[in-house]
C-alpha atoms as a PDB file:
ATOM      1  CA  UNK A   1       0.000   0.000   0.000  1.00  0.00           C
ATOM      2  CA  UNK A   2       1.220   3.481  -0.890  1.00  0.00           C
ATOM      3  CA  UNK A   3      -0.148   6.789   0.446  1.00  0.00           C
ATOM      4  CA  UNK A   4       0.662   9.829  -1.680  1.00  0.00           C
ATOM      5  CA  UNK A   5      -0.311  13.402  -0.825  1.00  0.00           C
ATOM      6  CA  UNK A   6      -2.072  15.206  -3.685  1.00  0.00           C
ATOM      7  CA  UNK A   7      -2.019  18.871  -4.626  1.00  0.00           C
ATOM      8  CA  UNK A   8      -3.985  21.161  -2.310  1.00  0.00           C
ATOM      9  CA  UNK A   9      -5.224  18.592   0.152  1.00  0.00           C
ATOM     10  CA  UNK A  10      -5.903  14.898   0.443  1.00  0.00           C
ATOM     11  CA  UNK A  11      -4.019  11.698  -0.218  1.00  0.00           C
ATOM     12  CA  UNK A  12      -4.387   8.980  -2.836  1.00  0.00           C
ATOM     13  CA  UNK A  13      -4.070   5.441  -1.519  1.00  0.00           C
ATOM     14  CA  UNK A  14      -2.955   2.816  -4.024  1.00  0.00           C
ATOM     15  CA  UNK A  15      -1.985  -0.831  -3.994  1.00  0.00           C
ATOM     16  CA  UNK A  16      -4.847  -1.833  -1.743  1.00  0.00           C
ATOM     17  CA  UNK A  17      -8.256  -3.473  -2.017  1.00  0.00           C
ATOM     18  CA  UNK A  18     -10.722  -2.059   0.526  1.00  0.00           C
ATOM     19  CA  UNK A  19     -12.507  -5.434   0.624  1.00  0.00           C
ATOM     20  CA  UNK A  20      -9.523  -7.176   2.217  1.00  0.00           C
ATOM     21  CA  UNK A  21      -7.667  -4.735   4.438  1.00  0.00           C
ATOM     22  CA  UNK A  22      -5.344  -6.022   7.131  1.00  0.00           C
ATOM     23  CA  UNK A  23      -5.529  -4.351  10.522  1.00  0.00           C
ATOM     24  CA  UNK A  24      -2.211  -2.638   9.809  1.00  0.00           C
ATOM     25  CA  UNK A  25      -3.442  -1.328   6.442  1.00  0.00           C
ATOM     26  CA  UNK A  26      -6.644  -0.033   7.986  1.00  0.00           C
ATOM     27  CA  UNK A  27      -4.730   1.726  10.778  1.00  0.00           C
ATOM     28  CA  UNK A  28      -2.572   3.466   8.151  1.00  0.00           C
ATOM     29  CA  UNK A  29      -5.708   4.516   6.249  1.00  0.00           C
ATOM     30  CA  UNK A  30      -7.223   5.934   9.445  1.00  0.00           C
ATOM     31  CA  UNK A  31      -4.057   7.927  10.085  1.00  0.00           C
ATOM     32  CA  UNK A  32      -4.055   9.277   6.528  1.00  0.00           C
ATOM     33  CA  UNK A  33      -7.703  10.270   6.851  1.00  0.00           C
ATOM     34  CA  UNK A  34      -7.047  12.205  10.064  1.00  0.00           C
ATOM     35  CA  UNK A  35      -3.963  13.907   8.659  1.00  0.00           C
ATOM     36  CA  UNK A  36      -5.133  14.802   5.141  1.00  0.00           C
ATOM     37  CA  UNK A  37      -8.897  15.257   5.537  1.00  0.00           C
ATOM     38  CA  UNK A  38      -9.727  13.418   2.293  1.00  0.00           C
ATOM     39  CA  UNK A  39      -8.532  10.066   1.003  1.00  0.00           C
ATOM     40  CA  UNK A  40      -8.989   8.772  -2.531  1.00  0.00           C
ATOM     41  CA  UNK A  41      -8.991   5.243  -3.914  1.00  0.00           C
ATOM     42  CA  UNK A  42      -8.942   4.138  -7.547  1.00  0.00           C
ATOM     43  CA  UNK A  43      -9.848   0.920  -9.363  1.00  0.00           C
ATOM     44  CA  UNK A  44     -11.920  -0.536  -6.552  1.00  0.00           C
ATOM     45  CA  UNK A  45     -14.313  -3.338  -7.534  1.00  0.00           C
ATOM     46  CA  UNK A  46     -16.981  -3.098  -4.863  1.00  0.00           C
ATOM     47  CA  UNK A  47     -20.610  -3.936  -4.342  1.00  0.00           C
ATOM     48  CA  UNK A  48     -22.924  -2.370  -1.795  1.00  0.00           C
ATOM     49  CA  UNK A  49     -22.056  -4.761   1.014  1.00  0.00           C
ATOM     50  CA  UNK A  50     -18.340  -4.010   0.535  1.00  0.00           C
ATOM     51  CA  UNK A  51     -19.091  -0.296   0.789  1.00  0.00           C
ATOM     52  CA  UNK A  52     -21.027  -0.842   4.026  1.00  0.00           C
ATOM     53  CA  UNK A  53     -18.361  -3.085   5.555  1.00  0.00           C
ATOM     54  CA  UNK A  54     -15.593  -0.560   4.823  1.00  0.00           C
ATOM     55  CA  UNK A  55     -17.576   2.311   6.360  1.00  0.00           C
ATOM     56  CA  UNK A  56     -18.430   0.272   9.451  1.00  0.00           C
ATOM     57  CA  UNK A  57     -14.744  -0.131  10.261  1.00  0.00           C
ATOM     58  CA  UNK A  58     -14.662   3.621  10.966  1.00  0.00           C
ATOM     59  CA  UNK A  59     -17.766   3.698  13.136  1.00  0.00           C
ATOM     60  CA  UNK A  60     -21.545   3.510  13.265  1.00  0.00           C
ATOM     61  CA  UNK A  61     -23.357   4.434  10.068  1.00  0.00           C
ATOM     62  CA  UNK A  62     -25.600   7.504  10.079  1.00  0.00           C
ATOM     63  CA  UNK A  63     -28.768   6.553   8.189  1.00  0.00           C
ATOM     64  CA  UNK A  64     -29.543   9.747   6.307  1.00  0.00           C
ATOM     65  CA  UNK A  65     -32.800  11.504   7.187  1.00  0.00           C
ATOM     66  CA  UNK A  66     -32.997  13.677   4.081  1.00  0.00           C
ATOM     67  CA  UNK A  67     -31.610  11.793   1.061  1.00  0.00           C
ATOM     68  CA  UNK A  68     -33.344   9.084  -0.915  1.00  0.00           C
ATOM     69  CA  UNK A  69     -32.140   5.701   0.293  1.00  0.00           C
ATOM     70  CA  UNK A  70     -30.919   2.734  -1.714  1.00  0.00           C
ATOM     71  CA  UNK A  71     -33.949   0.427  -2.121  1.00  0.00           C
ATOM     72  CA  UNK A  72     -32.112  -2.585  -0.683  1.00  0.00           C
ATOM     73  CA  UNK A  73     -29.529  -0.984   1.609  1.00  0.00           C
ATOM     74  CA  UNK A  74     -30.927   1.915   3.682  1.00  0.00           C
ATOM     75  CA  UNK A  75     -27.429   2.661   4.998  1.00  0.00           C
ATOM     76  CA  UNK A  76     -26.598   3.975   1.508  1.00  0.00           C
ATOM     77  CA  UNK A  77     -27.905   7.378   0.421  1.00  0.00           C
ATOM     78  CA  UNK A  78     -28.402   7.962  -3.291  1.00  0.00           C
ATOM     79  CA  UNK A  79     -26.711  11.040  -4.717  1.00  0.00           C
ATOM     80  CA  UNK A  80     -28.294  10.996  -8.136  1.00  0.00           C
ATOM     81  CA  UNK A  81     -28.943  13.274 -11.061  1.00  0.00           C
ATOM     82  CA  UNK A  82     -30.917  12.164 -14.115  1.00  0.00           C
ATOM     83  CA  UNK A  83     -30.454  13.637 -17.609  1.00  0.00           C
ATOM     84  CA  UNK A  84     -33.652  15.705 -17.355  1.00  0.00           C
ATOM     85  CA  UNK A  85     -32.770  17.231 -13.975  1.00  0.00           C
ATOM     86  CA  UNK A  86     -31.193  20.679 -13.942  1.00  0.00           C
ATOM     87  CA  UNK A  87     -29.982  20.950 -10.352  1.00  0.00           C
ATOM     88  CA  UNK A  88     -27.562  18.554  -8.710  1.00  0.00           C
ATOM     89  CA  UNK A  89     -27.105  17.648  -5.051  1.00  0.00           C
ATOM     90  CA  UNK A  90     -24.291  19.427  -3.245  1.00  0.00           C
ATOM     91  CA  UNK A  91     -23.799  22.061  -5.929  1.00  0.00           C
ATOM     92  CA  UNK A  92     -22.031  24.637  -3.750  1.00  0.00           C
ATOM     93  CA  UNK A  93     -19.338  24.779  -1.082  1.00  0.00           C
ATOM     94  CA  UNK A  94     -20.481  23.106   2.129  1.00  0.00           C
ATOM     95  CA  UNK A  95     -19.688  20.539   4.776  1.00  0.00           C
ATOM     96  CA  UNK A  96     -22.225  17.859   5.668  1.00  0.00           C
ATOM     97  CA  UNK A  97     -24.021  17.573   8.987  1.00  0.00           C
ATOM     98  CA  UNK A  98     -22.761  20.736  10.691  1.00  0.00           C
ATOM     99  CA  UNK A  99     -26.459  21.202  11.576  1.00  0.00           C
ATOM    100  CA  UNK A 100     -26.150  18.217  13.963  1.00  0.00           C
ATOM    101  CA  UNK A 101     -25.027  18.596  17.581  1.00  0.00           C
ATOM    102  CA  UNK A 102     -22.494  15.832  16.928  1.00  0.00           C
ATOM    103  CA  UNK A 103     -21.424  16.397  13.314  1.00  0.00           C
ATOM    104  CA  UNK A 104     -20.741  13.314  11.236  1.00  0.00           C
ATOM    105  CA  UNK A 105     -17.178  12.006  11.133  1.00  0.00           C
ATOM    106  CA  UNK A 106     -17.231  11.828   7.354  1.00  0.00           C
ATOM    107  CA  UNK A 107     -18.670  10.219   4.266  1.00  0.00           C
ATOM    108  CA  UNK A 108     -17.583   7.483   1.857  1.00  0.00           C
ATOM    109  CA  UNK A 109     -18.732   8.200  -1.709  1.00  0.00           C
ATOM    110  CA  UNK A 110     -18.568   5.495  -4.383  1.00  0.00           C
ATOM    111  CA  UNK A 111     -18.967   6.182  -8.113  1.00  0.00           C
ATOM    112  CA  UNK A 112     -21.629   3.925  -9.622  1.00  0.00           C
ATOM    113  CA  UNK A 113     -22.533   5.643 -12.907  1.00  0.00           C
ATOM    114  CA  UNK A 114     -20.617   8.606 -14.307  1.00  0.00           C
ATOM    115  CA  UNK A 115     -21.253  11.113 -17.090  1.00  0.00           C
ATOM    116  CA  UNK A 116     -18.981  11.042 -20.129  1.00  0.00           C
ATOM    117  CA  UNK A 117     -17.489  14.332 -18.965  1.00  0.00           C
ATOM    118  CA  UNK A 118     -17.812  16.620 -15.942  1.00  0.00           C
ATOM    119  CA  UNK A 119     -19.077  15.826 -12.474  1.00  0.00           C
ATOM    120  CA  UNK A 120     -15.794  16.371 -10.617  1.00  0.00           C
ATOM    121  CA  UNK A 121     -15.813  17.191  -6.898  1.00  0.00           C
ATOM    122  CA  UNK A 122     -13.903  20.085  -5.367  1.00  0.00           C
ATOM    123  CA  UNK A 123     -12.455  19.859  -1.848  1.00  0.00           C
ATOM    124  CA  UNK A 124     -10.999  22.542   0.423  1.00  0.00           C
ATOM    125  CA  UNK A 125      -8.904  22.069   3.569  1.00  0.00           C
ATOM    126  CA  UNK A 126     -10.167  23.787   6.697  1.00  0.00           C
ATOM    127  CA  UNK A 127      -6.857  23.018   8.417  1.00  0.00           C
ATOM    128  CA  UNK A 128      -5.015  25.103   5.830  1.00  0.00           C
ATOM    129  CA  UNK A 129      -7.819  27.661   5.693  1.00  0.00           C
ATOM    130  CA  UNK A 130      -7.335  28.365   9.392  1.00  0.00           C
ATOM    131  CA  UNK A 131      -3.546  28.264   9.264  1.00  0.00           C
ATOM    132  CA  UNK A 132      -3.447  30.822   6.433  1.00  0.00           C
ATOM    133  CA  UNK A 133      -5.884  33.327   7.957  1.00  0.00           C
ATOM    134  CA  UNK A 134      -4.448  36.782   8.628  1.00  0.00           C
ATOM    135  CA  UNK A 135      -3.495  37.124  12.285  1.00  0.00           C
ATOM    136  CA  UNK A 136      -6.031  39.899  12.908  1.00  0.00           C
ATOM    137  CA  UNK A 137      -8.821  37.659  11.603  1.00  0.00           C
ATOM    138  CA  UNK A 138      -7.590  34.757  13.740  1.00  0.00           C
ATOM    139  CA  UNK A 139      -7.738  37.066  16.759  1.00  0.00           C
ATOM    140  CA  UNK A 140     -11.233  38.252  15.818  1.00  0.00           C
ATOM    141  CA  UNK A 141     -12.725  34.752  15.700  1.00  0.00           C
ATOM    142  CA  UNK A 142     -10.918  33.432  18.779  1.00  0.00           C
ATOM    143  CA  UNK A 143     -13.529  32.050  21.195  1.00  0.00           C
ATOM    144  CA  UNK A 144     -16.508  32.785  18.927  1.00  0.00           C
ATOM    145  CA  UNK A 145     -19.265  30.319  18.061  1.00  0.00           C
ATOM    146  CA  UNK A 146     -21.824  30.166  15.270  1.00  0.00           C
ATOM    147  CA  UNK A 147     -25.302  28.719  14.887  1.00  0.00           C
ATOM    148  CA  UNK A 148     -25.774  26.036  12.236  1.00  0.00           C
ATOM    149  CA  UNK A 149     -29.076  24.863  10.747  1.00  0.00           C
ATOM    150  CA  UNK A 150     -30.429  22.547   8.066  1.00  0.00           C
ATOM    151  CA  UNK A 151     -34.042  23.716   8.214  1.00  0.00           C
ATOM    152  CA  UNK A 152     -33.735  26.143   5.305  1.00  0.00           C
ATOM    153  CA  UNK A 153     -32.185  23.424   3.120  1.00  0.00           C
ATOM    154  CA  UNK A 154     -34.155  20.306   3.991  1.00  0.00           C
ATOM    155  CA  UNK A 155     -37.444  21.841   5.134  1.00  0.00           C
ATOM    156  CA  UNK A 156     -39.789  24.105   3.243  1.00  0.00           C
ATOM    157  CA  UNK A 157     -38.500  27.550   2.331  1.00  0.00           C
ATOM    158  CA  UNK A 158     -36.910  29.653  -0.408  1.00  0.00           C
ATOM    159  CA  UNK A 159     -33.535  27.882  -0.167  1.00  0.00           C
ATOM    160  CA  UNK A 160     -34.935  24.398   0.226  1.00  0.00           C
ATOM    161  CA  UNK A 161     -34.532  21.366  -1.977  1.00  0.00           C
ATOM    162  CA  UNK A 162     -37.935  20.328  -0.679  1.00  0.00           C
ATOM    163  CA  UNK A 163     -40.368  22.752  -2.319  1.00  0.00           C
ATOM    164  CA  UNK A 164     -44.076  22.612  -3.046  1.00  0.00           C
ATOM    165  CA  UNK A 165     -46.019  24.148  -5.881  1.00  0.00           C
ATOM    166  CA  UNK A 166     -49.229  26.120  -5.445  1.00  0.00           C
ATOM    167  CA  UNK A 167     -51.071  22.888  -6.195  1.00  0.00           C
ATOM    168  CA  UNK A 168     -49.353  21.216  -3.267  1.00  0.00           C
ATOM    169  CA  UNK A 169     -47.174  19.001  -5.427  1.00  0.00           C
ATOM    170  CA  UNK A 170     -43.435  18.668  -4.907  1.00  0.00           C
ATOM    171  CA  UNK A 171     -41.322  19.955  -7.770  1.00  0.00           C
ATOM    172  CA  UNK A 172     -37.856  18.945  -9.017  1.00  0.00           C
ATOM    173  CA  UNK A 173     -35.818  17.304  -6.313  1.00  0.00           C
ATOM    174  CA  UNK A 174     -38.672  15.324  -4.812  1.00  0.00           C
ATOM    175  CA  UNK A 175     -37.516  11.840  -3.957  1.00  0.00           C
ATOM    176  CA  UNK A 176     -33.862  12.917  -3.997  1.00  0.00           C
ATOM    177  CA  UNK A 177     -33.459  15.166  -0.979  1.00  0.00           C
ATOM    178  CA  UNK A 178     -35.519  16.869   1.713  1.00  0.00           C
ATOM    179  CA  UNK A 179     -37.908  15.998   4.505  1.00  0.00           C
ATOM    180  CA  UNK A 180     -39.883  18.929   5.884  1.00  0.00           C
ATOM    181  CA  UNK A 181     -41.309  16.994   8.848  1.00  0.00           C
ATOM    182  CA  UNK A 182     -37.887  15.882  10.071  1.00  0.00           C
ATOM    183  CA  UNK A 183     -36.329  19.278   9.335  1.00  0.00           C
ATOM    184  CA  UNK A 184     -38.914  20.933  11.557  1.00  0.00           C
ATOM    185  CA  UNK A 185     -37.683  18.880  14.527  1.00  0.00           C
ATOM    186  CA  UNK A 186     -34.046  19.959  14.199  1.00  0.00           C
ATOM    187  CA  UNK A 187     -32.637  21.901  17.148  1.00  0.00           C
ATOM    188  CA  UNK A 188     -29.973  24.229  15.771  1.00  0.00           C
ATOM    189  CA  UNK A 189     -26.578  23.722  17.447  1.00  0.00           C
ATOM    190  CA  UNK A 190     -23.814  26.181  18.238  1.00  0.00           C
ATOM    191  CA  UNK A 191     -20.297  25.145  17.230  1.00  0.00           C
ATOM    192  CA  UNK A 192     -16.986  26.947  17.761  1.00  0.00           C
ATOM    193  CA  UNK A 193     -15.803  28.814  14.663  1.00  0.00           C
ATOM    194  CA  UNK A 194     -12.391  27.269  15.255  1.00  0.00           C
ATOM    195  CA  UNK A 195     -12.402  23.663  16.440  1.00  0.00           C
ATOM    196  CA  UNK A 196      -9.706  21.309  17.648  1.00  0.00           C
ATOM    197  CA  UNK A 197     -10.082  18.282  15.415  1.00  0.00           C
ATOM    198  CA  UNK A 198     -10.981  15.197  17.507  1.00  0.00           C
ATOM    199  CA  UNK A 199      -8.674  12.868  15.545  1.00  0.00           C
ATOM    200  CA  UNK A 200      -5.681  14.976  14.529  1.00  0.00           C
ATOM    201  CA  UNK A 201      -5.654  17.554  17.334  1.00  0.00           C
ATOM    202  CA  UNK A 202      -5.135  20.298  14.724  1.00  0.00           C
ATOM    203  CA  UNK A 203      -7.090  23.547  14.535  1.00  0.00           C
ATOM    204  CA  UNK A 204      -9.670  23.810  11.753  1.00  0.00           C
ATOM    205  CA  UNK A 205     -12.038  26.533  10.587  1.00  0.00           C
ATOM    206  CA  UNK A 206     -15.588  25.313  11.164  1.00  0.00           C
ATOM    207  CA  UNK A 207     -18.128  27.412   9.284  1.00  0.00           C
ATOM    208  CA  UNK A 208     -19.655  26.812   5.853  1.00  0.00           C
ATOM    209  CA  UNK A 209     -21.931  28.755   3.486  1.00  0.00           C
ATOM    210  CA  UNK A 210     -24.730  26.180   3.363  1.00  0.00           C
ATOM    211  CA  UNK A 211     -25.468  25.580   7.042  1.00  0.00           C
ATOM    212  CA  UNK A 212     -23.826  28.322   9.141  1.00  0.00           C
ATOM    213  CA  UNK A 213     -26.496  30.926   9.848  1.00  0.00           C
ATOM    214  CA  UNK A 214     -25.038  33.519  12.220  1.00  0.00           C
ATOM    215  CA  UNK A 215     -22.251  34.287  14.647  1.00  0.00           C
ATOM    216  CA  UNK A 216     -23.381  34.164  18.273  1.00  0.00           C
ATOM    217  CA  UNK A 217     -23.405  37.550  19.978  1.00  0.00           C
ATOM    218  CA  UNK A 218     -23.235  39.674  16.831  1.00  0.00           C
ATOM    219  CA  UNK A 219     -25.951  41.628  15.051  1.00  0.00           C
ATOM    220  CA  UNK A 220     -26.843  40.395  11.573  1.00  0.00           C
ATOM    221  CA  UNK A 221     -24.760  42.923   9.641  1.00  0.00           C
ATOM    222  CA  UNK A 222     -21.638  42.270  11.699  1.00  0.00           C
ATOM    223  CA  UNK A 223     -22.163  38.501  11.541  1.00  0.00           C
ATOM    224  CA  UNK A 224     -22.727  38.541   7.779  1.00  0.00           C
ATOM    225  CA  UNK A 225     -19.576  40.604   7.251  1.00  0.00           C
ATOM    226  CA  UNK A 226     -17.413  38.279   9.343  1.00  0.00           C
ATOM    227  CA  UNK A 227     -18.752  35.130   7.701  1.00  0.00           C
ATOM    228  CA  UNK A 228     -18.315  36.705   4.269  1.00  0.00           C
ATOM    229  CA  UNK A 229     -14.667  37.474   5.071  1.00  0.00           C
ATOM    230  CA  UNK A 230     -14.081  33.865   6.149  1.00  0.00           C
ATOM    231  CA  UNK A 231     -15.834  32.424   3.111  1.00  0.00           C
ATOM    232  CA  UNK A 232     -13.945  34.696   0.718  1.00  0.00           C
ATOM    233  CA  UNK A 233     -10.702  33.489   2.262  1.00  0.00           C
ATOM    234  CA  UNK A 234     -11.669  29.875   1.538  1.00  0.00           C
ATOM    235  CA  UNK A 235     -13.088  30.603  -1.934  1.00  0.00           C
ATOM    236  CA  UNK A 236      -9.818  32.198  -3.024  1.00  0.00           C
ATOM    237  CA  UNK A 237      -7.452  29.788  -1.267  1.00  0.00           C
ATOM    238  CA  UNK A 238      -6.562  27.748  -4.314  1.00  0.00           C
ATOM    239  CA  UNK A 239      -3.418  26.391  -2.697  1.00  0.00           C
ATOM    240  CA  UNK A 240      -5.649  24.365  -0.384  1.00  0.00           C
ATOM    241  CA  UNK A 241      -8.213  23.247  -2.976  1.00  0.00           C
ATOM    242  CA  UNK A 242      -8.214  19.934  -4.835  1.00  0.00           C
ATOM    243  CA  UNK A 243     -10.349  18.933  -7.817  1.00  0.00           C
ATOM    244  CA  UNK A 244     -11.031  15.200  -7.876  1.00  0.00           C
ATOM    245  CA  UNK A 245     -11.834  13.616 -11.210  1.00  0.00           C
ATOM    246  CA  UNK A 246     -14.073  10.606 -10.833  1.00  0.00           C
ATOM    247  CA  UNK A 247     -13.415   7.420 -12.779  1.00  0.00           C
ATOM    248  CA  UNK A 248     -15.086   3.987 -12.683  1.00  0.00           C
ATOM    249  CA  UNK A 249     -13.993   2.342  -9.438  1.00  0.00           C
ATOM    250  CA  UNK A 250     -13.203   5.627  -7.677  1.00  0.00           C
ATOM    251  CA  UNK A 251     -13.955   6.148  -3.991  1.00  0.00           C
ATOM    252  CA  UNK A 252     -13.515   9.341  -1.965  1.00  0.00           C
ATOM    253  CA  UNK A 253     -13.795   9.603   1.793  1.00  0.00           C
ATOM    254  CA  UNK A 254     -13.830  13.060   3.336  1.00  0.00           C
ATOM    255  CA  UNK A 255     -13.772  14.383   6.870  1.00  0.00           C
ATOM    256  CA  UNK A 256     -16.707  16.674   7.595  1.00  0.00           C
ATOM    257  CA  UNK A 257     -14.854  18.415  10.422  1.00  0.00           C
ATOM    258  CA  UNK A 258     -11.790  19.485   8.397  1.00  0.00           C
ATOM    259  CA  UNK A 259     -12.955  19.922   4.792  1.00  0.00           C
ATOM    260  CA  UNK A 260     -15.531  21.522   2.543  1.00  0.00           C
ATOM    261  CA  UNK A 261     -16.670  19.974  -0.731  1.00  0.00           C
ATOM    262  CA  UNK A 262     -18.592  21.028  -3.834  1.00  0.00           C
ATOM    263  CA  UNK A 263     -20.110  18.722  -6.472  1.00  0.00           C
ATOM    264  CA  UNK A 264     -19.683  20.458  -9.822  1.00  0.00           C
ATOM    265  CA  UNK A 265     -22.804  20.614 -11.973  1.00  0.00           C
ATOM    266  CA  UNK A 266     -21.254  20.690 -15.445  1.00  0.00           C
ATOM    267  CA  UNK A 267     -22.778  17.621 -17.078  1.00  0.00           C
ATOM    268  CA  UNK A 268     -26.272  18.685 -18.140  1.00  0.00           C
ATOM    269  CA  UNK A 269     -28.239  16.016 -19.966  1.00  0.00           C
ATOM    270  CA  UNK A 270     -26.142  13.181 -18.523  1.00  0.00           C
ATOM    271  CA  UNK A 271     -26.707  10.718 -15.703  1.00  0.00           C
ATOM    272  CA  UNK A 272     -24.556  10.575 -12.549  1.00  0.00           C
ATOM    273  CA  UNK A 273     -25.256   8.060  -9.771  1.00  0.00           C
ATOM    274  CA  UNK A 274     -23.187   7.981  -6.589  1.00  0.00           C
ATOM    275  CA  UNK A 275     -23.622   5.952  -3.399  1.00  0.00           C
ATOM    276  CA  UNK A 276     -22.856   7.720  -0.131  1.00  0.00           C
ATOM    277  CA  UNK A 277     -22.476   6.363   3.389  1.00  0.00           C
ATOM    278  CA  UNK A 278     -22.016   8.768   6.279  1.00  0.00           C
ATOM    279  CA  UNK A 279     -20.369   7.778   9.554  1.00  0.00           C
ATOM    280  CA  UNK A 280     -21.447   9.043  12.960  1.00  0.00           C
ATOM    281  CA  UNK A 281     -19.165  11.544  14.656  1.00  0.00           C
ATOM    282  CA  UNK A 282     -18.663  12.921  18.142  1.00  0.00           C
ATOM    283  CA  UNK A 283     -18.922  16.260  19.960  1.00  0.00           C
ATOM    284  CA  UNK A 284     -16.529  18.925  18.698  1.00  0.00           C
ATOM    285  CA  UNK A 285     -14.965  21.733  20.698  1.00  0.00           C
ATOM    286  CA  UNK A 286     -12.486  24.555  20.493  1.00  0.00           C
END
C-alpha cells in the first residue's frame, strides 16, 4: 500500500483493495484520513455490502434523514442526477451535517454511474484555511461560536430542496433530498468557529456557506460581514483546494470536520449516480 499526498489537500491510496484490508493497512488509512482530511482510492471493484463493511470499520453508520435511500440498503444514500434534472445535489461549497449537535465524522462516496465528462468534486482544507488566515482575523474569531441549521435546506423555504407548488405538489428534487417533517424537529446547534479536530488535534475553521447561519453575539450585519470574510478566504485559497476527477472504481472519503466539498454541476443532460455512506461523529470543541 502506498499513500501519496495530492495537490492542495488529500491523499491517494494505491496498492490496496478495501474489501480485504489487514488491521495494519486499515490503521494506516485511518491515520491518513485524520492527517489529510480526504482520502482517494482508484480501481476498486466493490458492491454495496463491501461499501457498508468498509464504512463500518470507521464507526456507526448515520442513516440519512434527508436523502433518498438505496432500495435494498438503507445505509446507503443515493446522490443521483438524471439527464432531465437541472440541479444537482451538493452544488455549492459546504460541509455535511454541521447542523447536527455531533457532526458526522465523514462520508464514503462510491462512483456507480458517471457522465462522459464533468461531475468532478472540489475539496478545500479547513486546516489550511485556518492556518493561512491573517493574524487579525484569527484574533477576531478566537472564542466565537456560530449557529448552524439545516431547516432552510431540507425543510420548506426559499432555499430548500424540498419545495411545493401552489397545487401542493413537490417539484424537481422530490424523492432525492428533503424531509420537511424531520427538518422541523431539528434543534440548531452552536459550534466553535475554530475547532480542535478530535482525531488529529489540529485547529480547523468550522463554518460553511450552506449551514452556518449567524455568529453568536453579533448583530446580523456584523455577523454577515465576518462570515463573508471567512468564506472569501476559503473561496480564493486555491493552494488548499483539490479537484477530484471521478473514474469507474473511484472512492472518496472526506472528513466533515476538516474539509468543505462542492459537487460540480457541469454535465447537463447526462446521468450521474453515486452511493454515499455517512459515519457518525462525536462532539466537537475549540
